[in-house]
Amino acid sequence: MSEPVAGRSSSFGESGDVTAVDRFGVWLSKRQIEKVVGPLTGKDVGDIGCGYDATFMRNVLGQVRTATLIDVSLAPDLSQHPKVRAVEGYLPEAMEQVPDASLDVVLCMSVVEHLWEPEQTLAHFRRVLRPGGVCAVNVPSWWGKRALEYSAFRLGTSPAEEMDDHKMYYDPRDLWPLMVKAGFWPHAIKCFRHKFGLNTFAVATVTEQHV
């Protein structure tokens, strides 16, 4: 994730306090990824802002060709896996360690809302994708803002520090232009609400027009 003014030094889940609400959200994102991206078998996949334990990618390491994992900090064993390229650092700078046109899929789940400069990070996503590659981005919506803050600050069922680190919320009309600015063709971008309208999901494909 991007470095906030106060200086964030840990990744999501590093303290081990992932709530039931968070786990449900991760499960919903997994279902959406499987639906819009398709099988990851034999592909070079990047999970940007994957969280300390890279929970999603751990479950598919047996399927993918390689996994590029980026976050502020990562569990030590991840870098020991033969399929994993582990990059610890802040966005967008950490993306500079990923070569051009080296990935088939880029995943970025619940990260862009934490970034001061989302345009630069999204442009890197386009840069590192091969022709035919797919980028999937999930962010909380403005409607989701109210639900997340109620869960965090009133119910205590979501981590308050995560909500206080949010820089922006995105409806489809907010996220779609950023994907265009990043270099994806408008006709190759699908942007829609999901998670009961609490989140916005974008999937963009690198088409032949980019080649």
N, C-alpha and C. Protein backbone atom coordinates (compact mmCIF):
# COMPACT_ATOMS: atom_id res chain seq x y z
N MET A 1 0.83 -1.19 0.00
CA MET A 1 0.00 0.00 0.00
C MET A 1 0.87 1.24 0.00
N SER A 2 0.25 2.36 -0.28
CA SER A 2 1.01 3.60 -0.30
C SER A 2 1.32 4.06 1.12
N GLU A 3 2.40 4.80 1.25
CA GLU A 3 2.82 5.25 2.58
C GLU A 3 2.05 6.50 2.97
N PRO A 4 1.27 6.45 4.06
CA PRO A 4 0.53 7.61 4.51
C PRO A 4 1.44 8.62 5.18
N VAL A 5 0.88 9.77 5.49
CA VAL A 5 1.66 10.83 6.13
C VAL A 5 2.29 10.34 7.42
N ALA A 6 1.54 9.58 8.19
CA ALA A 6 2.05 9.11 9.48
C ALA A 6 3.06 7.99 9.35
N GLY A 7 3.12 7.33 8.17
CA GLY A 7 4.09 6.28 7.95
C GLY A 7 3.59 4.91 8.36
N ARG A 8 2.88 4.23 7.48
CA ARG A 8 2.37 2.90 7.76
C ARG A 8 3.51 1.90 7.65
N SER A 9 3.60 0.99 8.60
CA SER A 9 4.73 0.06 8.62
C SER A 9 4.30 -1.40 8.65
N SER A 10 3.01 -1.70 8.49
CA SER A 10 2.56 -3.08 8.53
C SER A 10 1.51 -3.33 7.46
N SER A 11 1.35 -4.59 7.11
CA SER A 11 0.39 -5.00 6.10
C SER A 11 -0.90 -5.48 6.75
N PHE A 12 -1.95 -5.54 5.97
CA PHE A 12 -3.22 -6.06 6.46
C PHE A 12 -3.03 -7.50 6.94
N GLY A 13 -3.51 -7.78 8.14
CA GLY A 13 -3.44 -9.12 8.68
C GLY A 13 -2.15 -9.45 9.40
N GLU A 14 -1.19 -8.54 9.42
CA GLU A 14 0.10 -8.84 10.05
C GLU A 14 -0.03 -9.05 11.55
N SER A 15 -0.95 -8.32 12.16
CA SER A 15 -1.14 -8.45 13.60
C SER A 15 -2.01 -9.64 13.97
N GLY A 16 -2.58 -10.28 12.94
CA GLY A 16 -3.37 -11.48 13.18
C GLY A 16 -4.80 -11.22 13.60
N ASP A 17 -5.26 -9.96 13.53
CA ASP A 17 -6.59 -9.63 14.02
C ASP A 17 -7.59 -9.46 12.88
N VAL A 18 -7.59 -10.37 11.92
CA VAL A 18 -8.55 -10.33 10.82
C VAL A 18 -9.92 -10.76 11.34
N THR A 19 -10.93 -9.91 11.15
CA THR A 19 -12.25 -10.17 11.72
C THR A 19 -13.08 -11.05 10.79
N ALA A 20 -14.22 -11.51 11.33
CA ALA A 20 -15.15 -12.31 10.53
C ALA A 20 -15.68 -11.51 9.35
N VAL A 21 -15.90 -10.21 9.56
CA VAL A 21 -16.36 -9.34 8.48
C VAL A 21 -15.30 -9.28 7.37
N ASP A 22 -14.04 -9.16 7.76
CA ASP A 22 -12.95 -9.12 6.78
C ASP A 22 -12.86 -10.44 6.02
N ARG A 23 -12.97 -11.54 6.72
CA ARG A 23 -12.88 -12.85 6.06
C ARG A 23 -14.02 -13.05 5.07
N PHE A 24 -15.21 -12.57 5.43
CA PHE A 24 -16.35 -12.67 4.51
C PHE A 24 -16.10 -11.82 3.26
N GLY A 25 -15.53 -10.64 3.46
CA GLY A 25 -15.21 -9.77 2.33
C GLY A 25 -14.18 -10.39 1.41
N VAL A 26 -13.17 -11.04 1.99
CA VAL A 26 -12.15 -11.72 1.19
C VAL A 26 -12.78 -12.85 0.37
N TRP A 27 -13.69 -13.58 0.99
CA TRP A 27 -14.37 -14.68 0.30
C TRP A 27 -15.20 -14.15 -0.87
N LEU A 28 -15.90 -13.03 -0.68
CA LEU A 28 -16.68 -12.46 -1.76
C LEU A 28 -15.78 -12.00 -2.91
N SER A 29 -14.64 -11.41 -2.57
CA SER A 29 -13.70 -10.98 -3.61
C SER A 29 -13.16 -12.19 -4.37
N LYS A 30 -12.87 -13.28 -3.68
CA LYS A 30 -12.38 -14.49 -4.32
C LYS A 30 -13.40 -14.99 -5.33
N ARG A 31 -14.67 -15.01 -4.97
CA ARG A 31 -15.71 -15.46 -5.89
C ARG A 31 -15.77 -14.57 -7.12
N GLN A 32 -15.64 -13.26 -6.92
CA GLN A 32 -15.70 -12.34 -8.05
C GLN A 32 -14.48 -12.52 -8.96
N ILE A 33 -13.31 -12.73 -8.37
CA ILE A 33 -12.11 -12.97 -9.17
C ILE A 33 -12.30 -14.20 -10.04
N GLU A 34 -12.77 -15.28 -9.45
CA GLU A 34 -12.96 -16.52 -10.18
C GLU A 34 -13.97 -16.33 -11.32
N LYS A 35 -14.96 -15.48 -11.09
CA LYS A 35 -16.01 -15.26 -12.09
C LYS A 35 -15.51 -14.44 -13.27
N VAL A 36 -14.79 -13.34 -13.01
CA VAL A 36 -14.44 -12.41 -14.09
C VAL A 36 -13.05 -12.64 -14.68
N VAL A 37 -12.15 -13.23 -13.92
CA VAL A 37 -10.79 -13.47 -14.42
C VAL A 37 -10.66 -14.86 -15.00
N GLY A 38 -11.35 -15.81 -14.42
CA GLY A 38 -11.26 -17.18 -14.90
C GLY A 38 -10.12 -17.95 -14.25
N PRO A 39 -9.85 -19.15 -14.74
CA PRO A 39 -8.81 -19.99 -14.14
C PRO A 39 -7.43 -19.32 -14.19
N LEU A 40 -6.66 -19.51 -13.13
CA LEU A 40 -5.32 -18.94 -13.04
C LEU A 40 -4.25 -19.98 -13.36
N THR A 41 -4.66 -21.15 -13.77
CA THR A 41 -3.74 -22.25 -14.02
C THR A 41 -2.69 -21.87 -15.07
N GLY A 42 -1.43 -22.02 -14.72
CA GLY A 42 -0.34 -21.79 -15.64
C GLY A 42 -0.04 -20.34 -15.94
N LYS A 43 -0.64 -19.42 -15.19
CA LYS A 43 -0.46 -17.99 -15.47
C LYS A 43 0.50 -17.34 -14.48
N ASP A 44 1.11 -16.24 -14.94
CA ASP A 44 1.93 -15.40 -14.08
C ASP A 44 1.02 -14.34 -13.48
N VAL A 45 0.83 -14.40 -12.17
CA VAL A 45 -0.18 -13.59 -11.49
C VAL A 45 0.47 -12.66 -10.48
N GLY A 46 0.06 -11.40 -10.48
CA GLY A 46 0.49 -10.45 -9.47
C GLY A 46 -0.65 -10.13 -8.52
N ASP A 47 -0.40 -10.22 -7.23
CA ASP A 47 -1.39 -9.83 -6.22
C ASP A 47 -0.79 -8.64 -5.49
N ILE A 48 -1.31 -7.46 -5.81
CA ILE A 48 -0.73 -6.21 -5.33
C ILE A 48 -1.48 -5.74 -4.09
N GLY A 49 -0.75 -5.59 -2.97
CA GLY A 49 -1.42 -5.34 -1.70
C GLY A 49 -2.07 -6.61 -1.19
N CYS A 50 -1.32 -7.70 -1.28
CA CYS A 50 -1.87 -9.03 -1.02
C CYS A 50 -2.14 -9.32 0.45
N GLY A 51 -1.62 -8.46 1.35
CA GLY A 51 -1.74 -8.73 2.77
C GLY A 51 -0.54 -9.53 3.26
N TYR A 52 -0.31 -9.49 4.54
CA TYR A 52 0.87 -10.11 5.13
C TYR A 52 0.98 -11.59 4.78
N ASP A 53 -0.12 -12.31 4.86
CA ASP A 53 -0.10 -13.75 4.61
C ASP A 53 -0.49 -14.12 3.18
N ALA A 54 -0.83 -13.13 2.35
CA ALA A 54 -1.21 -13.40 0.95
C ALA A 54 -2.20 -14.57 0.89
N THR A 55 -3.27 -14.46 1.67
CA THR A 55 -4.21 -15.56 1.86
C THR A 55 -4.75 -16.11 0.55
N PHE A 56 -5.17 -15.23 -0.35
CA PHE A 56 -5.75 -15.71 -1.61
C PHE A 56 -4.71 -16.46 -2.43
N MET A 57 -3.52 -15.86 -2.61
CA MET A 57 -2.52 -16.48 -3.47
C MET A 57 -1.97 -17.77 -2.88
N ARG A 58 -1.92 -17.88 -1.57
CA ARG A 58 -1.48 -19.15 -0.97
C ARG A 58 -2.36 -20.30 -1.45
N ASN A 59 -3.64 -20.02 -1.61
CA ASN A 59 -4.57 -21.08 -1.98
C ASN A 59 -4.47 -21.49 -3.44
N VAL A 60 -3.80 -20.67 -4.26
CA VAL A 60 -3.72 -21.00 -5.69
C VAL A 60 -2.28 -21.17 -6.17
N LEU A 61 -1.31 -21.20 -5.25
CA LEU A 61 0.08 -21.35 -5.65
C LEU A 61 0.33 -22.64 -6.42
N GLY A 62 -0.46 -23.65 -6.12
CA GLY A 62 -0.31 -24.91 -6.85
C GLY A 62 -0.78 -24.83 -8.28
N GLN A 63 -1.58 -23.79 -8.62
CA GLN A 63 -2.13 -23.67 -9.95
C GLN A 63 -1.33 -22.72 -10.84
N VAL A 64 -0.88 -21.60 -10.27
CA VAL A 64 -0.25 -20.55 -11.07
C VAL A 64 1.16 -20.96 -11.50
N ARG A 65 1.65 -20.28 -12.55
CA ARG A 65 3.03 -20.49 -12.96
C ARG A 65 3.98 -19.77 -12.01
N THR A 66 3.68 -18.47 -11.77
CA THR A 66 4.44 -17.68 -10.79
C THR A 66 3.48 -16.73 -10.09
N ALA A 67 3.90 -16.26 -8.92
CA ALA A 67 3.10 -15.29 -8.17
C ALA A 67 4.00 -14.13 -7.75
N THR A 68 3.63 -12.93 -8.15
CA THR A 68 4.33 -11.72 -7.71
C THR A 68 3.50 -11.10 -6.60
N LEU A 69 4.07 -11.02 -5.40
CA LEU A 69 3.35 -10.53 -4.22
C LEU A 69 3.98 -9.24 -3.74
N ILE A 70 3.15 -8.21 -3.57
CA ILE A 70 3.64 -6.91 -3.12
C ILE A 70 2.82 -6.41 -1.95
N ASP A 71 3.51 -6.02 -0.88
CA ASP A 71 2.87 -5.33 0.24
C ASP A 71 3.96 -4.71 1.10
N VAL A 72 3.55 -3.93 2.09
CA VAL A 72 4.50 -3.27 2.98
C VAL A 72 5.39 -4.30 3.67
N SER A 73 4.80 -5.39 4.11
CA SER A 73 5.54 -6.48 4.72
C SER A 73 4.85 -7.79 4.38
N LEU A 74 5.64 -8.85 4.26
CA LEU A 74 5.12 -10.16 3.87
C LEU A 74 5.66 -11.23 4.81
N ALA A 75 4.87 -12.28 5.00
CA ALA A 75 5.32 -13.39 5.84
C ALA A 75 6.62 -13.96 5.26
N PRO A 76 7.62 -14.20 6.11
CA PRO A 76 8.94 -14.63 5.64
C PRO A 76 8.93 -15.87 4.75
N ASP A 77 8.03 -16.80 5.01
CA ASP A 77 8.05 -18.05 4.24
C ASP A 77 7.64 -17.85 2.79
N LEU A 78 6.93 -16.75 2.49
CA LEU A 78 6.48 -16.53 1.12
C LEU A 78 7.66 -16.37 0.16
N SER A 79 8.68 -15.64 0.59
CA SER A 79 9.83 -15.41 -0.28
C SER A 79 10.63 -16.68 -0.53
N GLN A 80 10.42 -17.72 0.28
CA GLN A 80 11.13 -18.98 0.12
C GLN A 80 10.47 -19.89 -0.90
N HIS A 81 9.23 -19.57 -1.28
CA HIS A 81 8.52 -20.44 -2.22
C HIS A 81 9.10 -20.27 -3.62
N PRO A 82 9.36 -21.35 -4.33
CA PRO A 82 10.01 -21.26 -5.65
C PRO A 82 9.20 -20.51 -6.70
N LYS A 83 7.90 -20.41 -6.52
CA LYS A 83 7.06 -19.72 -7.51
C LYS A 83 6.88 -18.24 -7.20
N VAL A 84 7.34 -17.78 -6.05
CA VAL A 84 6.98 -16.44 -5.57
C VAL A 84 8.11 -15.43 -5.80
N ARG A 85 7.72 -14.26 -6.34
CA ARG A 85 8.57 -13.07 -6.31
C ARG A 85 7.96 -12.16 -5.25
N ALA A 86 8.64 -12.00 -4.13
CA ALA A 86 8.12 -11.21 -3.01
C ALA A 86 8.76 -9.82 -3.02
N VAL A 87 7.92 -8.79 -3.02
CA VAL A 87 8.41 -7.41 -3.02
C VAL A 87 7.78 -6.68 -1.84
N GLU A 88 8.61 -6.23 -0.93
CA GLU A 88 8.12 -5.45 0.20
C GLU A 88 8.39 -3.97 -0.06
N GLY A 89 7.35 -3.16 0.09
CA GLY A 89 7.52 -1.73 -0.14
C GLY A 89 6.19 -1.05 -0.35
N TYR A 90 6.26 0.25 -0.58
CA TYR A 90 5.06 1.06 -0.75
C TYR A 90 4.75 1.27 -2.23
N LEU A 91 3.48 1.44 -2.52
CA LEU A 91 3.04 1.76 -3.87
C LEU A 91 3.05 3.27 -4.05
N PRO A 92 3.35 3.75 -5.26
CA PRO A 92 3.60 3.00 -6.50
C PRO A 92 5.03 2.53 -6.68
N GLU A 93 5.97 2.95 -5.83
CA GLU A 93 7.38 2.66 -6.06
C GLU A 93 7.68 1.17 -6.15
N ALA A 94 7.01 0.36 -5.33
CA ALA A 94 7.28 -1.07 -5.33
C ALA A 94 7.00 -1.72 -6.68
N MET A 95 6.08 -1.15 -7.45
CA MET A 95 5.75 -1.70 -8.75
C MET A 95 6.91 -1.58 -9.73
N GLU A 96 7.84 -0.69 -9.47
CA GLU A 96 8.98 -0.51 -10.38
C GLU A 96 9.86 -1.75 -10.44
N GLN A 97 9.73 -2.63 -9.47
CA GLN A 97 10.51 -3.86 -9.46
C GLN A 97 9.91 -4.96 -10.34
N VAL A 98 8.73 -4.70 -10.90
CA VAL A 98 8.08 -5.68 -11.76
C VAL A 98 8.35 -5.32 -13.22
N PRO A 99 8.94 -6.22 -14.00
CA PRO A 99 9.28 -5.91 -15.40
C PRO A 99 8.05 -5.66 -16.28
N ASP A 100 8.26 -4.93 -17.35
CA ASP A 100 7.22 -4.68 -18.34
C ASP A 100 6.70 -6.01 -18.90
N ALA A 101 5.40 -6.05 -19.17
CA ALA A 101 4.76 -7.18 -19.86
C ALA A 101 5.21 -8.53 -19.30
N SER A 102 5.20 -8.65 -17.98
CA SER A 102 5.67 -9.88 -17.35
C SER A 102 4.56 -10.69 -16.69
N LEU A 103 3.33 -10.14 -16.65
CA LEU A 103 2.23 -10.79 -15.94
C LEU A 103 1.03 -11.01 -16.86
N ASP A 104 0.30 -12.09 -16.57
CA ASP A 104 -0.95 -12.36 -17.28
C ASP A 104 -2.15 -11.80 -16.54
N VAL A 105 -2.03 -11.71 -15.23
CA VAL A 105 -3.12 -11.23 -14.38
C VAL A 105 -2.57 -10.34 -13.28
N VAL A 106 -3.23 -9.21 -13.05
CA VAL A 106 -2.93 -8.35 -11.91
C VAL A 106 -4.18 -8.24 -11.05
N LEU A 107 -4.05 -8.58 -9.78
CA LEU A 107 -5.15 -8.47 -8.82
C LEU A 107 -4.81 -7.40 -7.81
N CYS A 108 -5.79 -6.57 -7.48
CA CYS A 108 -5.59 -5.52 -6.49
C CYS A 108 -6.89 -5.35 -5.71
N MET A 109 -6.98 -6.03 -4.59
CA MET A 109 -8.22 -6.09 -3.83
C MET A 109 -8.15 -5.20 -2.59
N SER A 110 -9.01 -4.19 -2.54
CA SER A 110 -9.14 -3.31 -1.36
C SER A 110 -7.82 -2.65 -1.01
N VAL A 111 -7.18 -2.05 -2.02
CA VAL A 111 -5.90 -1.38 -1.84
C VAL A 111 -5.92 0.05 -2.37
N VAL A 112 -6.52 0.25 -3.53
CA VAL A 112 -6.46 1.56 -4.20
C VAL A 112 -7.02 2.67 -3.31
N GLU A 113 -7.98 2.35 -2.47
CA GLU A 113 -8.56 3.36 -1.58
C GLU A 113 -7.56 3.88 -0.54
N HIS A 114 -6.44 3.18 -0.37
CA HIS A 114 -5.41 3.58 0.58
C HIS A 114 -4.32 4.45 -0.06
N LEU A 115 -4.39 4.65 -1.36
CA LEU A 115 -3.29 5.28 -2.09
C LEU A 115 -3.47 6.77 -2.27
N TRP A 116 -2.38 7.52 -2.07
CA TRP A 116 -2.39 8.95 -2.36
C TRP A 116 -2.34 9.20 -3.86
N GLU A 117 -1.69 8.31 -4.60
CA GLU A 117 -1.50 8.50 -6.04
C GLU A 117 -1.98 7.26 -6.79
N PRO A 118 -3.28 7.01 -6.82
CA PRO A 118 -3.79 5.79 -7.46
C PRO A 118 -3.49 5.73 -8.95
N GLU A 119 -3.45 6.88 -9.62
CA GLU A 119 -3.23 6.88 -11.07
C GLU A 119 -1.89 6.24 -11.42
N GLN A 120 -0.85 6.54 -10.65
CA GLN A 120 0.47 5.99 -10.94
C GLN A 120 0.50 4.47 -10.76
N THR A 121 -0.13 4.01 -9.71
CA THR A 121 -0.16 2.56 -9.46
C THR A 121 -0.94 1.84 -10.54
N LEU A 122 -2.09 2.36 -10.94
CA LEU A 122 -2.89 1.72 -11.98
C LEU A 122 -2.15 1.73 -13.31
N ALA A 123 -1.40 2.79 -13.59
CA ALA A 123 -0.60 2.84 -14.82
C ALA A 123 0.46 1.74 -14.81
N HIS A 124 1.04 1.46 -13.65
CA HIS A 124 1.98 0.34 -13.54
C HIS A 124 1.29 -0.99 -13.83
N PHE A 125 0.05 -1.14 -13.39
CA PHE A 125 -0.67 -2.38 -13.67
C PHE A 125 -0.76 -2.62 -15.17
N ARG A 126 -1.10 -1.56 -15.90
CA ARG A 126 -1.17 -1.68 -17.37
C ARG A 126 0.20 -2.01 -17.95
N ARG A 127 1.24 -1.40 -17.43
CA ARG A 127 2.60 -1.59 -17.95
C ARG A 127 3.06 -3.03 -17.82
N VAL A 128 2.75 -3.68 -16.70
CA VAL A 128 3.30 -5.01 -16.44
C VAL A 128 2.48 -6.13 -17.07
N LEU A 129 1.33 -5.80 -17.66
CA LEU A 129 0.49 -6.82 -18.27
C LEU A 129 0.89 -7.11 -19.71
N ARG A 130 0.80 -8.38 -20.07
CA ARG A 130 1.03 -8.82 -21.44
C ARG A 130 -0.23 -8.61 -22.28
N PRO A 131 -0.11 -8.67 -23.61
CA PRO A 131 -1.31 -8.65 -24.46
C PRO A 131 -2.26 -9.78 -24.05
N GLY A 132 -3.52 -9.45 -23.90
CA GLY A 132 -4.50 -10.41 -23.42
C GLY A 132 -4.58 -10.50 -21.91
N GLY A 133 -3.70 -9.77 -21.21
CA GLY A 133 -3.69 -9.80 -19.76
C GLY A 133 -4.91 -9.12 -19.16
N VAL A 134 -5.20 -9.46 -17.90
CA VAL A 134 -6.39 -8.96 -17.22
C VAL A 134 -6.01 -8.31 -15.89
N CYS A 135 -6.59 -7.15 -15.63
CA CYS A 135 -6.41 -6.44 -14.37
C CYS A 135 -7.75 -6.39 -13.64
N ALA A 136 -7.78 -6.81 -12.39
CA ALA A 136 -8.99 -6.79 -11.58
C ALA A 136 -8.75 -5.96 -10.33
N VAL A 137 -9.61 -4.98 -10.11
CA VAL A 137 -9.46 -4.04 -9.00
C VAL A 137 -10.75 -3.98 -8.20
N ASN A 138 -10.64 -4.11 -6.89
CA ASN A 138 -11.79 -3.96 -6.00
C ASN A 138 -11.54 -2.81 -5.03
N VAL A 139 -12.55 -1.95 -4.85
CA VAL A 139 -12.47 -0.82 -3.91
C VAL A 139 -13.81 -0.64 -3.22
N PRO A 140 -13.84 -0.05 -2.03
CA PRO A 140 -15.11 0.25 -1.38
C PRO A 140 -15.80 1.42 -2.06
N SER A 141 -17.11 1.37 -2.11
CA SER A 141 -17.91 2.45 -2.71
C SER A 141 -18.24 3.51 -1.66
N TRP A 142 -18.84 4.61 -2.13
CA TRP A 142 -19.26 5.65 -1.19
C TRP A 142 -20.38 5.15 -0.28
N TRP A 143 -21.21 4.29 -0.79
CA TRP A 143 -22.23 3.67 0.06
C TRP A 143 -21.54 2.76 1.09
N GLY A 144 -20.50 2.06 0.62
CA GLY A 144 -19.76 1.19 1.52
C GLY A 144 -19.05 1.94 2.63
N LYS A 145 -18.70 3.20 2.37
CA LYS A 145 -18.04 4.02 3.39
C LYS A 145 -18.84 4.04 4.69
N ARG A 146 -20.13 4.27 4.56
CA ARG A 146 -20.97 4.35 5.75
C ARG A 146 -21.01 3.02 6.49
N ALA A 147 -21.12 1.92 5.73
CA ALA A 147 -21.19 0.60 6.35
C ALA A 147 -19.87 0.23 7.01
N LEU A 148 -18.76 0.53 6.33
CA LEU A 148 -17.44 0.20 6.88
C LEU A 148 -17.16 0.98 8.16
N GLU A 149 -17.48 2.27 8.14
CA GLU A 149 -17.21 3.09 9.31
C GLU A 149 -18.12 2.72 10.48
N TYR A 150 -19.35 2.33 10.19
CA TYR A 150 -20.24 1.87 11.25
C TYR A 150 -19.69 0.58 11.86
N SER A 151 -19.22 -0.34 10.99
CA SER A 151 -18.66 -1.59 11.47
C SER A 151 -17.40 -1.36 12.31
N ALA A 152 -16.57 -0.39 11.88
CA ALA A 152 -15.29 -0.16 12.56
C ALA A 152 -15.45 0.64 13.85
N PHE A 153 -16.20 1.74 13.76
CA PHE A 153 -16.21 2.70 14.87
C PHE A 153 -17.37 2.53 15.84
N ARG A 154 -18.42 1.84 15.40
CA ARG A 154 -19.56 1.63 16.29
C ARG A 154 -19.63 0.19 16.80
N LEU A 155 -19.42 -0.76 15.89
CA LEU A 155 -19.55 -2.17 16.27
C LEU A 155 -18.23 -2.81 16.65
N GLY A 156 -17.13 -2.26 16.15
CA GLY A 156 -15.82 -2.85 16.43
C GLY A 156 -15.57 -4.15 15.70
N THR A 157 -16.30 -4.37 14.59
CA THR A 157 -16.16 -5.62 13.84
C THR A 157 -15.25 -5.48 12.63
N SER A 158 -14.65 -4.32 12.43
CA SER A 158 -13.65 -4.10 11.39
C SER A 158 -12.53 -3.25 12.00
N PRO A 159 -11.29 -3.38 11.50
CA PRO A 159 -10.18 -2.63 12.10
C PRO A 159 -10.29 -1.13 11.83
N ALA A 160 -10.39 -0.34 12.89
CA ALA A 160 -10.56 1.10 12.77
C ALA A 160 -9.38 1.75 12.05
N GLU A 161 -8.16 1.23 12.27
CA GLU A 161 -6.99 1.83 11.64
C GLU A 161 -7.02 1.70 10.13
N GLU A 162 -7.67 0.64 9.63
CA GLU A 162 -7.81 0.48 8.18
C GLU A 162 -8.73 1.56 7.62
N MET A 163 -9.83 1.83 8.30
CA MET A 163 -10.76 2.86 7.82
C MET A 163 -10.12 4.24 7.85
N ASP A 164 -9.33 4.51 8.88
CA ASP A 164 -8.69 5.81 9.00
C ASP A 164 -7.56 6.00 8.00
N ASP A 165 -7.15 4.92 7.35
CA ASP A 165 -6.10 5.01 6.33
C ASP A 165 -6.69 5.20 4.93
N HIS A 166 -8.01 5.20 4.80
CA HIS A 166 -8.64 5.38 3.49
C HIS A 166 -8.47 6.81 3.00
N LYS A 167 -8.12 6.95 1.74
CA LYS A 167 -7.94 8.27 1.11
C LYS A 167 -9.10 8.63 0.19
N MET A 168 -9.88 7.61 -0.25
CA MET A 168 -10.92 7.85 -1.25
C MET A 168 -11.86 6.66 -1.28
N TYR A 169 -13.09 6.89 -1.72
CA TYR A 169 -14.04 5.83 -2.00
C TYR A 169 -14.46 5.97 -3.46
N TYR A 170 -14.87 4.86 -4.07
CA TYR A 170 -15.07 4.85 -5.52
C TYR A 170 -16.39 4.19 -5.92
N ASP A 171 -17.22 4.95 -6.60
CA ASP A 171 -18.33 4.37 -7.34
C ASP A 171 -17.82 4.07 -8.75
N PRO A 172 -18.58 3.34 -9.58
CA PRO A 172 -18.10 3.06 -10.94
C PRO A 172 -17.71 4.32 -11.72
N ARG A 173 -18.44 5.41 -11.54
CA ARG A 173 -18.12 6.63 -12.27
C ARG A 173 -16.82 7.27 -11.80
N ASP A 174 -16.33 6.89 -10.61
CA ASP A 174 -15.05 7.38 -10.11
C ASP A 174 -13.89 6.49 -10.57
N LEU A 175 -14.10 5.18 -10.56
CA LEU A 175 -13.03 4.23 -10.87
C LEU A 175 -12.80 4.10 -12.37
N TRP A 176 -13.86 4.09 -13.15
CA TRP A 176 -13.72 3.89 -14.60
C TRP A 176 -12.77 4.90 -15.24
N PRO A 177 -12.88 6.21 -14.97
CA PRO A 177 -11.94 7.15 -15.59
C PRO A 177 -10.49 6.89 -15.20
N LEU A 178 -10.25 6.41 -13.98
CA LEU A 178 -8.88 6.11 -13.57
C LEU A 178 -8.30 4.95 -14.38
N MET A 179 -9.15 3.97 -14.70
CA MET A 179 -8.68 2.86 -15.50
C MET A 179 -8.34 3.32 -16.92
N VAL A 180 -9.12 4.26 -17.44
CA VAL A 180 -8.84 4.82 -18.77
C VAL A 180 -7.53 5.58 -18.74
N LYS A 181 -7.34 6.43 -17.72
CA LYS A 181 -6.10 7.19 -17.59
C LYS A 181 -4.89 6.27 -17.46
N ALA A 182 -5.10 5.10 -16.89
CA ALA A 182 -4.01 4.14 -16.71
C ALA A 182 -3.55 3.52 -18.02
N GLY A 183 -4.36 3.67 -19.08
CA GLY A 183 -3.98 3.15 -20.38
C GLY A 183 -4.82 2.03 -20.92
N PHE A 184 -5.89 1.65 -20.20
CA PHE A 184 -6.79 0.62 -20.70
C PHE A 184 -7.83 1.26 -21.63
N TRP A 185 -8.14 0.59 -22.73
CA TRP A 185 -9.14 1.12 -23.65
C TRP A 185 -10.53 1.07 -23.01
N PRO A 186 -11.33 2.11 -23.21
CA PRO A 186 -12.66 2.15 -22.60
C PRO A 186 -13.51 0.92 -22.90
N HIS A 187 -13.46 0.42 -24.13
CA HIS A 187 -14.32 -0.72 -24.47
C HIS A 187 -13.88 -2.00 -23.77
N ALA A 188 -12.66 -2.01 -23.23
CA ALA A 188 -12.12 -3.21 -22.59
C ALA A 188 -12.22 -3.15 -21.07
N ILE A 189 -13.00 -2.19 -20.55
CA ILE A 189 -13.16 -2.02 -19.10
C ILE A 189 -14.60 -2.31 -18.70
N LYS A 190 -14.77 -3.17 -17.72
CA LYS A 190 -16.08 -3.37 -17.11
C LYS A 190 -15.98 -2.90 -15.67
N CYS A 191 -16.90 -2.05 -15.27
CA CYS A 191 -16.87 -1.47 -13.94
C CYS A 191 -18.28 -1.56 -13.35
N PHE A 192 -18.40 -2.19 -12.18
CA PHE A 192 -19.73 -2.45 -11.64
C PHE A 192 -19.68 -2.55 -10.12
N ARG A 193 -20.85 -2.47 -9.51
CA ARG A 193 -20.97 -2.61 -8.06
C ARG A 193 -21.05 -4.10 -7.70
N HIS A 194 -20.51 -4.45 -6.53
CA HIS A 194 -20.70 -5.80 -6.01
C HIS A 194 -20.60 -5.76 -4.48
N LYS A 195 -20.62 -6.93 -3.87
CA LYS A 195 -20.70 -7.02 -2.40
C LYS A 195 -21.88 -6.19 -1.88
N PHE A 196 -23.05 -6.45 -2.49
CA PHE A 196 -24.29 -5.79 -2.07
C PHE A 196 -24.22 -4.27 -2.25
N GLY A 197 -23.42 -3.82 -3.22
CA GLY A 197 -23.30 -2.39 -3.50
C GLY A 197 -22.28 -1.68 -2.63
N LEU A 198 -21.65 -2.41 -1.72
CA LEU A 198 -20.69 -1.79 -0.80
C LEU A 198 -19.32 -1.61 -1.44
N ASN A 199 -19.09 -2.28 -2.56
CA ASN A 199 -17.82 -2.20 -3.26
C ASN A 199 -18.02 -1.95 -4.74
N THR A 200 -16.96 -1.47 -5.38
CA THR A 200 -16.93 -1.31 -6.83
C THR A 200 -15.82 -2.20 -7.37
N PHE A 201 -16.11 -2.89 -8.47
CA PHE A 201 -15.16 -3.83 -9.06
C PHE A 201 -14.92 -3.43 -10.50
N ALA A 202 -13.66 -3.40 -10.91
CA ALA A 202 -13.30 -3.13 -12.30
C ALA A 202 -12.45 -4.26 -12.82
N VAL A 203 -12.74 -4.68 -14.05
CA VAL A 203 -11.90 -5.66 -14.73
C VAL A 203 -11.58 -5.10 -16.11
N ALA A 204 -10.28 -5.03 -16.43
CA ALA A 204 -9.83 -4.44 -17.69
C ALA A 204 -8.89 -5.41 -18.38
N THR A 205 -9.06 -5.53 -19.70
CA THR A 205 -8.26 -6.45 -20.49
C THR A 205 -7.37 -5.68 -21.45
N VAL A 206 -6.13 -6.14 -21.61
CA VAL A 206 -5.22 -5.55 -22.60
C VAL A 206 -5.57 -6.14 -23.95
N THR A 207 -6.19 -5.35 -24.81
CA THR A 207 -6.66 -5.85 -26.09
C THR A 207 -5.61 -5.68 -27.18
N GLU A 208 -5.91 -6.18 -28.37
CA GLU A 208 -5.00 -6.09 -29.49
C GLU A 208 -4.67 -4.66 -29.86
N GLN A 209 -5.57 -3.73 -29.56
CA GLN A 209 -5.33 -2.32 -29.89
C GLN A 209 -4.15 -1.75 -29.13
N HIS A 210 -3.79 -2.41 -28.02
CA HIS A 210 -2.67 -1.92 -27.23
C HIS A 210 -1.32 -2.36 -27.79
N VAL A 211 -1.35 -3.42 -28.62
CA VAL A 211 -0.11 -4.01 -29.08
C VAL A 211 0.55 -3.16 -30.14
